[in-house]
Amino acid sequence: MLRFMDWSVVAMGCLLVLGSLVSRWWAARKGEGLDQGVRFLWAWLPFLMGLGMIGAKVPGLLHAPHPVVEIVDALNFMLAVTVLVYVLRTGRRIFRAHGTM
């Protein structure tokens, strides 16, 4: 049962990545450019979350060697820190634009 739950997390990550890529393709097809504000964040956030979910589970499920798992975990941590910094910067920019900060 545990294997099924682990693979369902990987499947959800794949759906997030594919959904993000399709939404960006659809926006480009309609000719809408993404600005550097909230819309840009919402275009990248599902993609990065999906990559994090996939990177967290796949090496263990494929019985990768320990050094590979450690490298993927380190990359996943760097991805999480990058997303956190980007979300904080975007939130600060939004609050500053509304005059609350």
PDB file of N, CA and C in Angstrom:
ATOM      1  N   MET A   1       0.825  -1.195   0.000  1.00  0.00           N
ATOM      2  CA  MET A   1       0.000   0.000   0.000  1.00  0.00           C
ATOM      3  C   MET A   1       0.865   1.253   0.000  1.00  0.00           C
ATOM      4  N   LEU A   2       1.979   1.201   0.709  1.00  0.00           N
ATOM      5  CA  LEU A   2       2.846   2.370   0.789  1.00  0.00           C
ATOM      6  C   LEU A   2       3.416   2.735  -0.578  1.00  0.00           C
ATOM      7  N   ARG A   3       3.756   1.733  -1.367  1.00  0.00           N
ATOM      8  CA  ARG A   3       4.285   1.995  -2.712  1.00  0.00           C
ATOM      9  C   ARG A   3       3.263   2.756  -3.550  1.00  0.00           C
ATOM     10  N   PHE A   4       1.994   2.371  -3.443  1.00  0.00           N
ATOM     11  CA  PHE A   4       0.949   3.054  -4.205  1.00  0.00           C
ATOM     12  C   PHE A   4       0.872   4.522  -3.813  1.00  0.00           C
ATOM     13  N   MET A   5       0.964   4.804  -2.522  1.00  0.00           N
ATOM     14  CA  MET A   5       0.895   6.189  -2.062  1.00  0.00           C
ATOM     15  C   MET A   5       2.113   6.979  -2.544  1.00  0.00           C
ATOM     16  N   ASP A   6       3.291   6.353  -2.549  1.00  0.00           N
ATOM     17  CA  ASP A   6       4.482   7.034  -3.044  1.00  0.00           C
ATOM     18  C   ASP A   6       4.364   7.339  -4.534  1.00  0.00           C
ATOM     19  N   TRP A   7       3.888   6.376  -5.295  1.00  0.00           N
ATOM     20  CA  TRP A   7       3.738   6.611  -6.731  1.00  0.00           C
ATOM     21  C   TRP A   7       2.620   7.610  -7.018  1.00  0.00           C
ATOM     22  N   SER A   8       1.632   7.709  -6.141  1.00  0.00           N
ATOM     23  CA  SER A   8       0.588   8.714  -6.352  1.00  0.00           C
ATOM     24  C   SER A   8       1.141  10.124  -6.152  1.00  0.00           C
ATOM     25  N   VAL A   9       2.110  10.287  -5.249  1.00  0.00           N
ATOM     26  CA  VAL A   9       2.770  11.587  -5.090  1.00  0.00           C
ATOM     27  C   VAL A   9       3.549  11.927  -6.361  1.00  0.00           C
ATOM     28  N   VAL A  10       4.224  10.944  -6.937  1.00  0.00           N
ATOM     29  CA  VAL A  10       4.957  11.168  -8.189  1.00  0.00           C
ATOM     30  C   VAL A  10       3.977  11.527  -9.305  1.00  0.00           C
ATOM     31  N   ALA A  11       2.847  10.831  -9.364  1.00  0.00           N
ATOM     32  CA  ALA A  11       1.847  11.140 -10.394  1.00  0.00           C
ATOM     33  C   ALA A  11       1.294  12.550 -10.232  1.00  0.00           C
ATOM     34  N   MET A  12       1.051  12.972  -8.998  1.00  0.00           N
ATOM     35  CA  MET A  12       0.573  14.337  -8.766  1.00  0.00           C
ATOM     36  C   MET A  12       1.629  15.351  -9.185  1.00  0.00           C
ATOM     37  N   GLY A  13       2.896  15.067  -8.909  1.00  0.00           N
ATOM     38  CA  GLY A  13       3.973  15.952  -9.357  1.00  0.00           C
ATOM     39  C   GLY A  13       4.025  16.050 -10.872  1.00  0.00           C
ATOM     40  N   CYS A  14       3.852  14.919 -11.544  1.00  0.00           N
ATOM     41  CA  CYS A  14       3.835  14.932 -13.010  1.00  0.00           C
ATOM     42  C   CYS A  14       2.656  15.737 -13.540  1.00  0.00           C
ATOM     43  N   LEU A  15       1.499  15.608 -12.892  1.00  0.00           N
ATOM     44  CA  LEU A  15       0.340  16.392 -13.311  1.00  0.00           C
ATOM     45  C   LEU A  15       0.569  17.884 -13.118  1.00  0.00           C
ATOM     46  N   LEU A  16       1.202  18.266 -12.022  1.00  0.00           N
ATOM     47  CA  LEU A  16       1.510  19.678 -11.804  1.00  0.00           C
ATOM     48  C   LEU A  16       2.473  20.216 -12.860  1.00  0.00           C
ATOM     49  N   VAL A  17       3.500  19.452 -13.179  1.00  0.00           N
ATOM     50  CA  VAL A  17       4.460  19.881 -14.191  1.00  0.00           C
ATOM     51  C   VAL A  17       3.783  19.997 -15.552  1.00  0.00           C
ATOM     52  N   LEU A  18       3.026  18.972 -15.938  1.00  0.00           N
ATOM     53  CA  LEU A  18       2.348  19.011 -17.229  1.00  0.00           C
ATOM     54  C   LEU A  18       1.305  20.118 -17.295  1.00  0.00           C
ATOM     55  N   GLY A  19       0.559  20.293 -16.221  1.00  0.00           N
ATOM     56  CA  GLY A  19      -0.443  21.358 -16.194  1.00  0.00           C
ATOM     57  C   GLY A  19       0.192  22.731 -16.325  1.00  0.00           C
ATOM     58  N   SER A  20       1.317  22.928 -15.676  1.00  0.00           N
ATOM     59  CA  SER A  20       2.018  24.204 -15.773  1.00  0.00           C
ATOM     60  C   SER A  20       2.536  24.440 -17.183  1.00  0.00           C
ATOM     61  N   LEU A  21       3.115  23.409 -17.788  1.00  0.00           N
ATOM     62  CA  LEU A  21       3.624  23.559 -19.151  1.00  0.00           C
ATOM     63  C   LEU A  21       2.496  23.827 -20.141  1.00  0.00           C
ATOM     64  N   VAL A  22       1.374  23.140 -19.977  1.00  0.00           N
ATOM     65  CA  VAL A  22       0.232  23.357 -20.875  1.00  0.00           C
ATOM     66  C   VAL A  22      -0.343  24.756 -20.688  1.00  0.00           C
ATOM     67  N   SER A  23      -0.438  25.222 -19.455  1.00  0.00           N
ATOM     68  CA  SER A  23      -0.987  26.568 -19.231  1.00  0.00           C
ATOM     69  C   SER A  23      -0.066  27.635 -19.816  1.00  0.00           C
ATOM     70  N   ARG A  24       1.245  27.450 -19.702  1.00  0.00           N
ATOM     71  CA  ARG A  24       2.158  28.418 -20.301  1.00  0.00           C
ATOM     72  C   ARG A  24       2.100  28.365 -21.823  1.00  0.00           C
ATOM     73  N   TRP A  25       1.967  27.161 -22.382  1.00  0.00           N
ATOM     74  CA  TRP A  25       1.839  27.022 -23.827  1.00  0.00           C
ATOM     75  C   TRP A  25       0.557  27.686 -24.300  1.00  0.00           C
ATOM     76  N   TRP A  26      -0.535  27.501 -23.549  1.00  0.00           N
ATOM     77  CA  TRP A  26      -1.819  28.098 -23.912  1.00  0.00           C
ATOM     78  C   TRP A  26      -1.742  29.624 -23.859  1.00  0.00           C
ATOM     79  N   ALA A  27      -1.091  30.163 -22.850  1.00  0.00           N
ATOM     80  CA  ALA A  27      -0.951  31.617 -22.739  1.00  0.00           C
ATOM     81  C   ALA A  27      -0.092  32.169 -23.876  1.00  0.00           C
ATOM     82  N   ALA A  28       0.960  31.443 -24.248  1.00  0.00           N
ATOM     83  CA  ALA A  28       1.804  31.896 -25.351  1.00  0.00           C
ATOM     84  C   ALA A  28       1.050  31.814 -26.670  1.00  0.00           C
ATOM     85  N   ARG A  29       0.213  30.832 -26.806  1.00  0.00           N
ATOM     86  CA  ARG A  29      -0.575  30.676 -28.032  1.00  0.00           C
ATOM     87  C   ARG A  29      -1.588  31.803 -28.189  1.00  0.00           C
ATOM     88  N   LYS A  30      -2.148  32.238 -27.052  1.00  0.00           N
ATOM     89  CA  LYS A  30      -3.101  33.334 -27.083  1.00  0.00           C
ATOM     90  C   LYS A  30      -2.406  34.679 -27.202  1.00  0.00           C
ATOM     91  N   GLY A  31      -1.090  34.703 -27.088  1.00  0.00           N
ATOM     92  CA  GLY A  31      -0.329  35.930 -27.227  1.00  0.00           C
ATOM     93  C   GLY A  31      -0.207  36.734 -25.956  1.00  0.00           C
ATOM     94  N   GLU A  32      -0.505  36.129 -24.823  1.00  0.00           N
ATOM     95  CA  GLU A  32      -0.383  36.830 -23.543  1.00  0.00           C
ATOM     96  C   GLU A  32       1.024  36.634 -23.004  1.00  0.00           C
ATOM     97  N   GLY A  33       1.696  37.716 -22.731  1.00  0.00           N
ATOM     98  CA  GLY A  33       3.007  37.630 -22.106  1.00  0.00           C
ATOM     99  C   GLY A  33       2.846  37.595 -20.589  1.00  0.00           C
ATOM    100  N   LEU A  34       3.755  36.930 -19.933  1.00  0.00           N
ATOM    101  CA  LEU A  34       3.707  36.875 -18.475  1.00  0.00           C
ATOM    102  C   LEU A  34       4.522  38.023 -17.908  1.00  0.00           C
ATOM    103  N   ASP A  35       3.914  38.806 -17.049  1.00  0.00           N
ATOM    104  CA  ASP A  35       4.653  39.866 -16.391  1.00  0.00           C
ATOM    105  C   ASP A  35       5.417  39.286 -15.205  1.00  0.00           C
ATOM    106  N   GLN A  36       6.191  40.091 -14.532  1.00  0.00           N
ATOM    107  CA  GLN A  36       7.023  39.616 -13.431  1.00  0.00           C
ATOM    108  C   GLN A  36       6.296  39.680 -12.095  1.00  0.00           C
ATOM    109  N   GLY A  37       5.018  39.746 -12.105  1.00  0.00           N
ATOM    110  CA  GLY A  37       4.259  39.867 -10.868  1.00  0.00           C
ATOM    111  C   GLY A  37       3.641  38.547 -10.455  1.00  0.00           C
ATOM    112  N   VAL A  38       2.413  38.625 -10.004  1.00  0.00           N
ATOM    113  CA  VAL A  38       1.720  37.464  -9.459  1.00  0.00           C
ATOM    114  C   VAL A  38       1.440  36.426 -10.537  1.00  0.00           C
ATOM    115  N   ARG A  39       1.081  36.876 -11.732  1.00  0.00           N
ATOM    116  CA  ARG A  39       0.802  35.904 -12.793  1.00  0.00           C
ATOM    117  C   ARG A  39       2.037  35.082 -13.122  1.00  0.00           C
ATOM    118  N   PHE A  40       3.206  35.711 -13.081  1.00  0.00           N
ATOM    119  CA  PHE A  40       4.447  34.992 -13.325  1.00  0.00           C
ATOM    120  C   PHE A  40       4.686  33.956 -12.232  1.00  0.00           C
ATOM    121  N   LEU A  41       4.417  34.337 -10.987  1.00  0.00           N
ATOM    122  CA  LEU A  41       4.573  33.410  -9.870  1.00  0.00           C
ATOM    123  C   LEU A  41       3.633  32.221 -10.014  1.00  0.00           C
ATOM    124  N   TRP A  42       2.371  32.471 -10.365  1.00  0.00           N
ATOM    125  CA  TRP A  42       1.416  31.376 -10.494  1.00  0.00           C
ATOM    126  C   TRP A  42       1.703  30.504 -11.704  1.00  0.00           C
ATOM    127  N   ALA A  43       2.482  31.001 -12.656  1.00  0.00           N
ATOM    128  CA  ALA A  43       2.871  30.164 -13.787  1.00  0.00           C
ATOM    129  C   ALA A  43       4.013  29.224 -13.410  1.00  0.00           C
ATOM    130  N   TRP A  44       4.905  29.676 -12.547  1.00  0.00           N
ATOM    131  CA  TRP A  44       6.066  28.870 -12.179  1.00  0.00           C
ATOM    132  C   TRP A  44       5.861  28.012 -10.941  1.00  0.00           C
ATOM    133  N   LEU A  45       5.009  28.424 -10.036  1.00  0.00           N
ATOM    134  CA  LEU A  45       4.860  27.711  -8.772  1.00  0.00           C
ATOM    135  C   LEU A  45       4.428  26.252  -8.940  1.00  0.00           C
ATOM    136  N   PRO A  46       3.408  25.933  -9.745  1.00  0.00           N
ATOM    137  CA  PRO A  46       3.056  24.510  -9.903  1.00  0.00           C
ATOM    138  C   PRO A  46       4.178  23.699 -10.536  1.00  0.00           C
ATOM    139  N   PHE A  47       4.893  24.296 -11.467  1.00  0.00           N
ATOM    140  CA  PHE A  47       6.001  23.591 -12.110  1.00  0.00           C
ATOM    141  C   PHE A  47       7.082  23.227 -11.097  1.00  0.00           C
ATOM    142  N   LEU A  48       7.470  24.191 -10.281  1.00  0.00           N
ATOM    143  CA  LEU A  48       8.527  23.938  -9.301  1.00  0.00           C
ATOM    144  C   LEU A  48       8.069  23.003  -8.188  1.00  0.00           C
ATOM    145  N   MET A  49       6.798  23.122  -7.785  1.00  0.00           N
ATOM    146  CA  MET A  49       6.277  22.191  -6.774  1.00  0.00           C
ATOM    147  C   MET A  49       6.235  20.766  -7.317  1.00  0.00           C
ATOM    148  N   GLY A  50       5.851  20.614  -8.566  1.00  0.00           N
ATOM    149  CA  GLY A  50       5.833  19.291  -9.186  1.00  0.00           C
ATOM    150  C   GLY A  50       7.218  18.684  -9.265  1.00  0.00           C
ATOM    151  N   LEU A  51       8.212  19.502  -9.642  1.00  0.00           N
ATOM    152  CA  LEU A  51       9.583  18.998  -9.680  1.00  0.00           C
ATOM    153  C   LEU A  51      10.051  18.570  -8.293  1.00  0.00           C
ATOM    154  N   GLY A  52       9.660  19.334  -7.285  1.00  0.00           N
ATOM    155  CA  GLY A  52      10.036  18.970  -5.914  1.00  0.00           C
ATOM    156  C   GLY A  52       9.406  17.659  -5.481  1.00  0.00           C
ATOM    157  N   MET A  53       8.142  17.468  -5.829  1.00  0.00           N
ATOM    158  CA  MET A  53       7.464  16.225  -5.461  1.00  0.00           C
ATOM    159  C   MET A  53       8.083  15.030  -6.164  1.00  0.00           C
ATOM    160  N   ILE A  54       8.406  15.197  -7.429  1.00  0.00           N
ATOM    161  CA  ILE A  54       9.023  14.104  -8.187  1.00  0.00           C
ATOM    162  C   ILE A  54      10.411  13.798  -7.628  1.00  0.00           C
ATOM    163  N   GLY A  55      11.196  14.841  -7.391  1.00  0.00           N
ATOM    164  CA  GLY A  55      12.550  14.637  -6.880  1.00  0.00           C
ATOM    165  C   GLY A  55      12.587  14.043  -5.489  1.00  0.00           C
ATOM    166  N   ALA A  56      11.537  14.253  -4.713  1.00  0.00           N
ATOM    167  CA  ALA A  56      11.523  13.718  -3.351  1.00  0.00           C
ATOM    168  C   ALA A  56      11.270  12.213  -3.320  1.00  0.00           C
ATOM    169  N   LYS A  57      10.510  11.707  -4.265  1.00  0.00           N
ATOM    170  CA  LYS A  57      10.100  10.298  -4.184  1.00  0.00           C
ATOM    171  C   LYS A  57      10.790   9.357  -5.166  1.00  0.00           C
ATOM    172  N   VAL A  58      11.096   9.815  -6.383  1.00  0.00           N
ATOM    173  CA  VAL A  58      11.567   8.915  -7.428  1.00  0.00           C
ATOM    174  C   VAL A  58      12.879   8.209  -7.087  1.00  0.00           C
ATOM    175  N   PRO A  59      13.910   8.888  -6.579  1.00  0.00           N
ATOM    176  CA  PRO A  59      15.154   8.148  -6.303  1.00  0.00           C
ATOM    177  C   PRO A  59      14.962   6.996  -5.319  1.00  0.00           C
ATOM    178  N   GLY A  60      14.170   7.193  -4.290  1.00  0.00           N
ATOM    179  CA  GLY A  60      13.930   6.117  -3.338  1.00  0.00           C
ATOM    180  C   GLY A  60      13.113   4.980  -3.938  1.00  0.00           C
ATOM    181  N   LEU A  61      12.143   5.331  -4.771  1.00  0.00           N
ATOM    182  CA  LEU A  61      11.310   4.301  -5.390  1.00  0.00           C
ATOM    183  C   LEU A  61      12.077   3.473  -6.414  1.00  0.00           C
ATOM    184  N   LEU A  62      13.071   4.077  -7.044  1.00  0.00           N
ATOM    185  CA  LEU A  62      13.868   3.349  -8.037  1.00  0.00           C
ATOM    186  C   LEU A  62      15.100   2.690  -7.428  1.00  0.00           C
ATOM    187  N   HIS A  63      15.200   2.729  -6.098  1.00  0.00           N
ATOM    188  CA  HIS A  63      16.312   2.124  -5.358  1.00  0.00           C
ATOM    189  C   HIS A  63      17.655   2.647  -5.854  1.00  0.00           C
ATOM    190  N   ALA A  64      17.745   3.962  -5.973  1.00  0.00           N
ATOM    191  CA  ALA A  64      18.989   4.607  -6.406  1.00  0.00           C
ATOM    192  C   ALA A  64      20.024   4.487  -5.286  1.00  0.00           C
ATOM    193  N   PRO A  65      21.306   4.528  -5.652  1.00  0.00           N
ATOM    194  CA  PRO A  65      22.358   4.490  -4.625  1.00  0.00           C
ATOM    195  C   PRO A  65      22.258   5.706  -3.698  1.00  0.00           C
ATOM    196  N   HIS A  66      22.779   5.541  -2.501  1.00  0.00           N
ATOM    197  CA  HIS A  66      22.680   6.593  -1.486  1.00  0.00           C
ATOM    198  C   HIS A  66      23.254   7.935  -1.938  1.00  0.00           C
ATOM    199  N   PRO A  67      24.411   7.986  -2.614  1.00  0.00           N
ATOM    200  CA  PRO A  67      24.914   9.295  -3.063  1.00  0.00           C
ATOM    201  C   PRO A  67      23.958  10.006  -4.032  1.00  0.00           C
ATOM    202  N   VAL A  68      23.289   9.261  -4.878  1.00  0.00           N
ATOM    203  CA  VAL A  68      22.330   9.854  -5.811  1.00  0.00           C
ATOM    204  C   VAL A  68      21.153  10.450  -5.046  1.00  0.00           C
ATOM    205  N   VAL A  69      20.670   9.714  -4.047  1.00  0.00           N
ATOM    206  CA  VAL A  69      19.560  10.208  -3.237  1.00  0.00           C
ATOM    207  C   VAL A  69      19.969  11.480  -2.503  1.00  0.00           C
ATOM    208  N   GLU A  70      21.190  11.514  -1.972  1.00  0.00           N
ATOM    209  CA  GLU A  70      21.670  12.695  -1.263  1.00  0.00           C
ATOM    210  C   GLU A  70      21.799  13.899  -2.192  1.00  0.00           C
ATOM    211  N   ILE A  71      22.283  13.689  -3.397  1.00  0.00           N
ATOM    212  CA  ILE A  71      22.417  14.784  -4.365  1.00  0.00           C
ATOM    213  C   ILE A  71      21.047  15.325  -4.750  1.00  0.00           C
ATOM    214  N   VAL A  72      20.100  14.437  -5.007  1.00  0.00           N
ATOM    215  CA  VAL A  72      18.750  14.874  -5.370  1.00  0.00           C
ATOM    216  C   VAL A  72      18.084  15.590  -4.197  1.00  0.00           C
ATOM    217  N   ASP A  73      18.311  15.127  -2.977  1.00  0.00           N
ATOM    218  CA  ASP A  73      17.768  15.817  -1.805  1.00  0.00           C
ATOM    219  C   ASP A  73      18.361  17.219  -1.657  1.00  0.00           C
ATOM    220  N   ALA A  74      19.665  17.344  -1.917  1.00  0.00           N
ATOM    221  CA  ALA A  74      20.292  18.667  -1.840  1.00  0.00           C
ATOM    222  C   ALA A  74      19.736  19.605  -2.907  1.00  0.00           C
ATOM    223  N   LEU A  75      19.547  19.098  -4.121  1.00  0.00           N
ATOM    224  CA  LEU A  75      18.954  19.912  -5.183  1.00  0.00           C
ATOM    225  C   LEU A  75      17.508  20.288  -4.852  1.00  0.00           C
ATOM    226  N   ASN A  76      16.791  19.357  -4.249  1.00  0.00           N
ATOM    227  CA  ASN A  76      15.411  19.625  -3.847  1.00  0.00           C
ATOM    228  C   ASN A  76      15.361  20.701  -2.765  1.00  0.00           C
ATOM    229  N   PHE A  77      16.308  20.671  -1.832  1.00  0.00           N
ATOM    230  CA  PHE A  77      16.376  21.701  -0.799  1.00  0.00           C
ATOM    231  C   PHE A  77      16.682  23.066  -1.411  1.00  0.00           C
ATOM    232  N   MET A  78      17.615  23.107  -2.355  1.00  0.00           N
ATOM    233  CA  MET A  78      17.933  24.366  -3.025  1.00  0.00           C
ATOM    234  C   MET A  78      16.727  24.889  -3.803  1.00  0.00           C
ATOM    235  N   LEU A  79      15.973  24.007  -4.405  1.00  0.00           N
ATOM    236  CA  LEU A  79      14.756  24.398  -5.110  1.00  0.00           C
ATOM    237  C   LEU A  79      13.736  24.995  -4.143  1.00  0.00           C
ATOM    238  N   ALA A  80      13.581  24.379  -2.982  1.00  0.00           N
ATOM    239  CA  ALA A  80      12.636  24.887  -1.987  1.00  0.00           C
ATOM    240  C   ALA A  80      13.050  26.265  -1.483  1.00  0.00           C
ATOM    241  N   VAL A  81      14.339  26.465  -1.239  1.00  0.00           N
ATOM    242  CA  VAL A  81      14.815  27.771  -0.784  1.00  0.00           C
ATOM    243  C   VAL A  81      14.619  28.822  -1.875  1.00  0.00           C
ATOM    244  N   THR A  82      14.889  28.465  -3.115  1.00  0.00           N
ATOM    245  CA  THR A  82      14.695  29.388  -4.230  1.00  0.00           C
ATOM    246  C   THR A  82      13.240  29.803  -4.356  1.00  0.00           C
ATOM    247  N   VAL A  83      12.331  28.841  -4.255  1.00  0.00           N
ATOM    248  CA  VAL A  83      10.900  29.154  -4.346  1.00  0.00           C
ATOM    249  C   VAL A  83      10.484  30.039  -3.180  1.00  0.00           C
ATOM    250  N   LEU A  84      10.966  29.755  -1.983  1.00  0.00           N
ATOM    251  CA  LEU A  84      10.620  30.578  -0.822  1.00  0.00           C
ATOM    252  C   LEU A  84      11.088  32.026  -1.011  1.00  0.00           C
ATOM    253  N   VAL A  85      12.319  32.203  -1.470  1.00  0.00           N
ATOM    254  CA  VAL A  85      12.842  33.554  -1.699  1.00  0.00           C
ATOM    255  C   VAL A  85      12.024  34.263  -2.771  1.00  0.00           C
ATOM    256  N   TYR A  86      11.685  33.561  -3.835  1.00  0.00           N
ATOM    257  CA  TYR A  86      10.916  34.186  -4.906  1.00  0.00           C
ATOM    258  C   TYR A  86       9.510  34.574  -4.432  1.00  0.00           C
ATOM    259  N   VAL A  87       8.876  33.716  -3.645  1.00  0.00           N
ATOM    260  CA  VAL A  87       7.541  34.036  -3.123  1.00  0.00           C
ATOM    261  C   VAL A  87       7.607  35.236  -2.184  1.00  0.00           C
ATOM    262  N   LEU A  88       8.622  35.286  -1.334  1.00  0.00           N
ATOM    263  CA  LEU A  88       8.755  36.423  -0.427  1.00  0.00           C
ATOM    264  C   LEU A  88       9.012  37.727  -1.182  1.00  0.00           C
ATOM    265  N   ARG A  89       9.836  37.678  -2.206  1.00  0.00           N
ATOM    266  CA  ARG A  89      10.098  38.882  -3.005  1.00  0.00           C
ATOM    267  C   ARG A  89       8.838  39.351  -3.727  1.00  0.00           C
ATOM    268  N   THR A  90       8.084  38.399  -4.277  1.00  0.00           N
ATOM    269  CA  THR A  90       6.855  38.773  -4.979  1.00  0.00           C
ATOM    270  C   THR A  90       5.833  39.327  -3.998  1.00  0.00           C
ATOM    271  N   GLY A  91       5.703  38.702  -2.832  1.00  0.00           N
ATOM    272  CA  GLY A  91       4.779  39.215  -1.818  1.00  0.00           C
ATOM    273  C   GLY A  91       5.163  40.599  -1.342  1.00  0.00           C
ATOM    274  N   ARG A  92       6.443  40.827  -1.158  1.00  0.00           N
ATOM    275  CA  ARG A  92       6.912  42.151  -0.738  1.00  0.00           C
ATOM    276  C   ARG A  92       6.591  43.196  -1.804  1.00  0.00           C
ATOM    277  N   ARG A  93       6.780  42.829  -3.059  1.00  0.00           N
ATOM    278  CA  ARG A  93       6.487  43.748  -4.150  1.00  0.00           C
ATOM    279  C   ARG A  93       4.995  44.066  -4.218  1.00  0.00           C
ATOM    280  N   ILE A  94       4.161  43.064  -3.972  1.00  0.00           N
ATOM    281  CA  ILE A  94       2.711  43.283  -4.005  1.00  0.00           C
ATOM    282  C   ILE A  94       2.282  44.176  -2.848  1.00  0.00           C
ATOM    283  N   PHE A  95       2.778  43.890  -1.627  1.00  0.00           N
ATOM    284  CA  PHE A  95       2.402  44.704  -0.478  1.00  0.00           C
ATOM    285  C   PHE A  95       2.917  46.132  -0.610  1.00  0.00           C
ATOM    286  N   ARG A  96       4.106  46.282  -1.181  1.00  0.00           N
ATOM    287  CA  ARG A  96       4.649  47.626  -1.375  1.00  0.00           C
ATOM    288  C   ARG A  96       3.811  48.394  -2.396  1.00  0.00           C
ATOM    289  N   ALA A  97       3.314  47.715  -3.424  1.00  0.00           N
ATOM    290  CA  ALA A  97       2.498  48.383  -4.451  1.00  0.00           C
ATOM    291  C   ALA A  97       1.161  48.827  -3.868  1.00  0.00           C
ATOM    292  N   HIS A  98       0.641  48.070  -2.902  1.00  0.00           N
ATOM    293  CA  HIS A  98      -0.635  48.431  -2.283  1.00  0.00           C
ATOM    294  C   HIS A  98      -0.455  49.433  -1.143  1.00  0.00           C
ATOM    295  N   GLY A  99       0.770  49.747  -0.808  1.00  0.00           N
ATOM    296  CA  GLY A  99       1.035  50.752   0.209  1.00  0.00           C
ATOM    297  C   GLY A  99       0.894  50.287   1.633  1.00  0.00           C
ATOM    298  N   THR A 100       0.934  48.970   1.872  1.00  0.00           N
ATOM    299  CA  THR A 100       0.798  48.453   3.241  1.00  0.00           C
ATOM    300  C   THR A 100       2.134  48.249   3.920  1.00  0.00           C
ATOM    301  N   MET A 101       3.230  48.327   3.197  1.00  0.00           N
ATOM    302  CA  MET A 101       4.552  48.157   3.804  1.00  0.00           C
ATOM    303  C   MET A 101       5.340  49.409   3.691  1.00  0.00           C
TER     304      MET A 101
END
